[in-house]
Protein backbone atom coordinates (compact mmCIF):
# COMPACT_ATOMS: atom_id res chain seq x y z
CA MET A 1 1.00 -1.19 -23.95
CA ASP A 2 0.10 -4.61 -24.84
CA LEU A 3 -3.52 -4.33 -23.93
CA THR A 4 -3.63 -8.33 -23.50
CA LYS A 5 -0.98 -8.46 -21.17
CA VAL A 6 -2.43 -5.85 -19.15
CA VAL A 7 -6.13 -7.22 -19.24
CA ALA A 8 -4.64 -10.72 -17.90
CA THR A 9 -2.75 -9.13 -15.39
CA GLY A 10 -5.61 -6.98 -14.12
CA PHE A 11 -7.66 -10.45 -13.98
CA THR A 12 -4.98 -12.60 -12.94
CA ALA A 13 -4.55 -9.88 -10.28
CA THR A 14 -8.12 -9.63 -9.01
CA SER A 15 -8.35 -12.76 -8.88
CA THR A 16 -5.83 -13.27 -6.63
CA MET A 17 -7.40 -10.84 -4.21
CA THR A 18 -10.48 -12.50 -4.49
CA VAL A 19 -9.35 -15.53 -2.90
CA PHE A 20 -7.21 -13.62 -0.54
CA SER A 21 -10.86 -11.92 0.81
CA TYR A 22 -12.76 -15.38 0.73
CA LYS A 23 -10.04 -16.67 2.94
CA ALA A 24 -10.25 -13.57 4.91
CA SER A 25 -13.84 -13.85 5.51
CA THR A 26 -13.87 -17.58 6.50
CA LEU A 27 -11.10 -16.28 9.31
CA LYS A 28 -12.92 -13.12 10.28
CA ARG A 29 -16.20 -14.41 9.88
CA GLU A 30 -17.03 -11.48 8.39
CA ASN A 31 -18.70 -10.52 4.58
CA PHE A 32 -15.12 -9.32 2.55
CA ARG A 33 -16.12 -10.90 -0.83
CA GLU A 34 -16.47 -7.96 -3.26
CA PRO A 35 -18.58 -9.83 -5.65
CA GLU A 36 -21.04 -10.62 -3.28
CA LEU A 37 -21.37 -6.80 -1.34
CA LEU A 38 -21.19 -5.55 -5.28
CA ALA A 39 -24.84 -7.63 -5.88
CA ARG A 40 -26.10 -6.27 -2.69
CA LEU A 41 -25.47 -2.75 -3.57
CA VAL A 42 -26.75 -3.14 -7.05
CA GLU A 43 -29.82 -5.69 -6.55
CA PRO A 44 -32.00 -2.70 -5.82
CA PHE A 45 -31.51 -0.87 -8.78
CA ILE A 46 -31.50 -4.56 -11.15
CA ALA A 47 -34.15 -6.60 -9.44
CA VAL A 48 -37.08 -6.53 -12.00
CA LEU A 49 -34.67 -8.80 -13.86
CA GLY A 50 -34.30 -11.27 -11.25
CA PRO A 51 -32.42 -12.66 -8.27
CA ASN A 52 -29.44 -14.24 -10.41
CA TYR A 53 -28.22 -10.85 -11.98
CA ALA A 54 -27.22 -8.70 -9.04
CA ARG A 55 -25.03 -12.17 -8.62
CA ILE A 56 -23.94 -11.61 -12.49
CA ALA A 57 -23.51 -7.57 -12.35
CA GLY A 58 -21.64 -7.84 -8.66
CA TRP A 59 -18.98 -10.20 -10.85
CA GLY A 60 -18.51 -8.25 -13.55
CA ILE A 61 -18.51 -5.22 -12.00
CA HIS A 62 -15.89 -6.43 -9.70
CA TYR A 63 -13.63 -8.00 -12.58
CA SER A 64 -14.43 -4.21 -14.53
CA MET A 65 -12.50 -2.84 -11.63
CA GLY A 66 -10.17 -4.62 -11.38
CA VAL A 67 -8.74 -4.99 -15.07
CA GLY A 68 -10.21 -1.03 -15.37
CA TRP A 69 -7.45 -0.10 -12.61
CA SER A 70 -4.63 -2.40 -14.20
CA VAL A 71 -5.24 -1.07 -17.18
CA LEU A 72 -5.18 2.85 -15.82
CA TYR A 73 -1.85 1.79 -13.78
């Protein structure tokens, strides 16, 4: 298993899914944006760090999960 290729595939797949989610959110007028939903989920736990940290954490969790599933697959 070439780990670099697997990570690149996970990153690409997650990016593609994210673009689709943002488009679906716009069309349906609902929030399907995973990074934003994850940011709201973790915000109470890291609120003391500041408002931008939840947003960064949301994106980090989103891509970590995408790459993680790619590695496991």
